[in-house]
Structures are given as C-alpha cells and as structure tokens.
Amino acid sequence: MIAMPHLRLPAVLDNLEKLISFISECAGKQGYSPAELRRIELAVEEVLVNICRYAYPAGTGDIEVNCKVGSDSSLIEIIDTGIPFDCSTETCPDIEANVCDRKLGGLGIFLVHKMVDKVAYRREGNKNILTLLYKPRGKC
C-alpha cells in the first residue's frame, strides 16, 4: 500500500463534508466507479457521524483520517481519542424483526460492515483506530 496524506480536524459535524471529500479524493485515485465511491462515502459518513456524536461526551477532540491505496484495494484508517468503541464486534441487528420490536441503533454499523470488505478495530494507548478495507467490485 502507498501511504497518502492524512487529514486531522476537530470531531464536529461541520467538518463532515471536508473529511468525506478527502477520503473520496483518495479513493478516486484508485479509479473506483462513481457508485463505488458513493458506497465508500456512505460507510465513512456513518463512522464519522458516530464519532462526532458519541466519542467525546465530556468535551471535544479530533478525527484523523489516513488513506492508503494499493494495487487492488483501499485502506482507510479513522482515528480518534474518544471513548473506546469497537464497532467490529457489534452484533448485527435483527433486520427480520418487526420495526416496533427492534432495538434502537446498530443499523448504521451493520451497513458499514456490508459496504466494505473488512472492518478492523484496535485500541493503541488512548486512540481508537478503525480500519476499513475496500476492494473494487465493478459496476454497482
């Protein structure tokens, strides 16, 4: 994988568009179709919104994004220093259950797992590091 520049911004919803544009630009260098880029953007938007809303309940912090492009895949690292949260081990919501009977939350993380090829989480010191691996799927 070839390392690409990274971006670090305060974890606020006002920075969402800048962060997603940065990731989309990096992935665009991979030659993904517009449909594939939208899939990547949707997955990272879900992760970024969750960080902005929940990672820093007692204050503010940053989001750092690193993009790495390989010959057959893209790797996106999303790093924050908020409360630990491993979305890679979250249980899937019961999408077959009646809407009224479903537990609130979890559907966004479920969709992230469906839209990317691999989701990995690790905690290093005070950092949450979420890695999303995406491989081209052709026309969507």
Protein backbone atom coordinates (compact mmCIF):
# COMPACT_ATOMS: atom_id res chain seq x y z
CA MET A 1 0.00 0.00 0.00
CA ILE A 2 1.12 3.50 -0.79
CA ALA A 3 0.64 5.96 2.06
CA MET A 4 -1.41 9.02 1.22
CA PRO A 5 -1.56 12.29 3.13
CA HIS A 6 -3.68 12.35 6.23
CA LEU A 7 -6.19 14.85 7.50
CA ARG A 8 -6.92 15.81 11.10
CA LEU A 9 -9.85 18.01 12.03
CA PRO A 10 -11.98 18.65 15.11
CA ALA A 11 -14.67 15.98 15.52
CA VAL A 12 -17.65 18.18 14.74
CA LEU A 13 -20.39 17.65 12.19
CA ASP A 14 -19.38 20.89 10.42
CA ASN A 15 -16.20 19.09 9.28
CA LEU A 16 -18.01 16.05 7.92
CA GLU A 17 -18.02 17.25 4.32
CA LYS A 18 -14.27 18.02 4.38
CA LEU A 19 -13.44 14.61 5.83
CA ILE A 20 -15.62 12.71 3.36
CA SER A 21 -14.28 14.73 0.42
CA PHE A 22 -10.72 13.94 1.50
CA ILE A 23 -11.47 10.21 1.64
CA SER A 24 -13.37 10.31 -1.65
CA GLU A 25 -10.48 12.10 -3.35
CA CYS A 26 -8.02 9.49 -2.08
CA ALA A 27 -10.27 6.62 -3.17
CA GLY A 28 -10.88 8.34 -6.50
CA LYS A 29 -7.19 7.94 -7.30
CA GLN A 30 -7.84 4.20 -7.18
CA GLY A 31 -10.14 4.53 -10.17
CA TYR A 32 -13.36 3.43 -8.48
CA SER A 33 -16.63 3.91 -10.29
CA PRO A 34 -18.95 6.67 -9.06
CA ALA A 35 -21.18 4.00 -7.47
CA GLU A 36 -18.22 2.52 -5.60
CA LEU A 37 -17.16 5.95 -4.38
CA ARG A 38 -20.68 6.56 -3.05
CA ARG A 39 -20.53 3.25 -1.19
CA ILE A 40 -17.22 4.23 0.43
CA GLU A 41 -18.53 7.71 1.25
CA LEU A 42 -21.67 6.30 2.86
CA ALA A 43 -19.67 3.87 5.02
CA VAL A 44 -17.21 6.50 6.25
CA GLU A 45 -20.01 9.01 6.80
CA GLU A 46 -21.68 6.61 9.21
CA VAL A 47 -18.43 6.11 11.14
CA LEU A 48 -17.57 9.82 11.19
CA VAL A 49 -21.04 10.90 12.34
CA ASN A 50 -20.89 8.39 15.19
CA ILE A 51 -17.50 9.73 16.29
CA CYS A 52 -18.74 13.33 16.15
CA ARG A 53 -21.85 12.49 18.16
CA TYR A 54 -20.61 9.94 20.69
CA ALA A 55 -16.81 9.69 21.02
CA TYR A 56 -16.31 12.81 23.12
CA PRO A 57 -19.24 13.06 25.57
CA ALA A 58 -17.33 15.25 28.02
CA GLY A 59 -15.71 17.63 25.56
CA THR A 60 -14.13 17.87 22.16
CA GLY A 61 -11.47 16.03 20.25
CA ASP A 62 -10.18 15.34 16.78
CA ILE A 63 -10.69 12.86 13.98
CA GLU A 64 -7.69 11.79 11.95
CA VAL A 65 -8.10 10.06 8.61
CA ASN A 66 -5.36 8.16 6.79
CA CYS A 67 -5.90 6.73 3.32
CA LYS A 68 -3.67 4.12 1.76
CA VAL A 69 -4.08 2.95 -1.79
CA GLY A 70 -2.84 -0.41 -3.05
CA SER A 71 -2.94 -2.04 -6.45
CA ASP A 72 -6.23 -3.80 -5.69
CA SER A 73 -7.69 -2.13 -2.60
CA SER A 74 -8.00 0.98 -0.47
CA LEU A 75 -7.45 1.12 3.25
CA ILE A 76 -9.00 3.90 5.31
CA GLU A 77 -7.94 4.45 8.92
CA ILE A 78 -10.16 6.60 11.09
CA ILE A 79 -8.57 7.56 14.40
CA ASP A 80 -9.99 9.34 17.42
CA THR A 81 -9.07 9.69 21.08
CA GLY A 82 -12.62 9.38 22.33
CA ILE A 83 -14.13 6.68 24.50
CA PRO A 84 -13.26 3.13 23.40
CA PHE A 85 -15.77 1.64 20.98
CA ASP A 86 -15.14 -1.46 18.92
CA CYS A 87 -17.76 -1.46 16.17
CA SER A 88 -16.12 -4.51 14.59
CA THR A 89 -17.61 -6.72 17.31
CA GLU A 90 -21.08 -5.20 17.45
CA THR A 91 -23.83 -7.73 16.98
CA CYS A 92 -25.99 -7.42 13.90
CA PRO A 93 -29.46 -6.02 14.47
CA ASP A 94 -32.37 -8.33 13.80
CA ILE A 95 -33.44 -6.90 10.46
CA GLU A 96 -36.16 -9.53 10.17
CA ALA A 97 -37.93 -8.34 13.34
CA ASN A 98 -40.94 -6.06 13.25
CA VAL A 99 -39.83 -2.42 13.23
CA CYS A 100 -41.67 -1.79 16.50
CA ASP A 101 -39.83 -4.68 18.17
CA ARG A 102 -36.32 -3.72 17.08
CA LYS A 103 -33.74 -2.27 19.43
CA LEU A 104 -32.75 1.29 18.50
CA GLY A 105 -29.32 1.78 16.97
CA GLY A 106 -26.82 -0.52 15.34
CA LEU A 107 -28.19 -0.40 11.82
CA GLY A 108 -25.54 2.06 10.62
CA ILE A 109 -22.71 -0.16 11.83
CA PHE A 110 -24.42 -3.14 10.19
CA LEU A 111 -24.45 -1.20 6.90
CA VAL A 112 -20.76 -0.28 7.24
CA HIS A 113 -19.94 -3.99 7.53
CA LYS A 114 -21.99 -4.66 4.39
CA MET A 115 -20.42 -1.84 2.35
CA VAL A 116 -16.74 -2.55 2.96
CA ASP A 117 -14.75 -5.77 2.68
CA LYS A 118 -13.16 -5.72 6.11
CA VAL A 119 -13.66 -3.78 9.34
CA ALA A 120 -10.94 -3.96 11.99
CA TYR A 121 -10.56 -2.12 15.28
CA ARG A 122 -7.69 -1.71 17.66
CA ARG A 123 -7.02 0.47 20.66
CA GLU A 124 -3.49 1.87 20.94
CA GLY A 125 -2.94 3.91 24.07
CA ASN A 126 -5.78 6.42 24.09
CA LYS A 127 -6.59 6.02 20.38
CA ASN A 128 -9.42 4.19 18.67
CA ILE A 129 -8.17 3.06 15.26
CA LEU A 130 -10.82 1.79 12.89
CA THR A 131 -9.59 0.32 9.62
CA LEU A 132 -11.87 -0.11 6.63
CA LEU A 133 -10.63 -2.15 3.68
CA TYR A 134 -12.37 -1.77 0.36
CA LYS A 135 -11.76 -3.73 -2.83
CA PRO A 136 -13.31 -2.70 -6.16
CA ARG A 137 -16.44 -4.65 -7.04
CA GLY A 138 -17.00 -3.42 -10.55
CA LYS A 139 -20.22 -1.78 -11.56
CA CYS A 140 -22.76 -1.43 -8.77
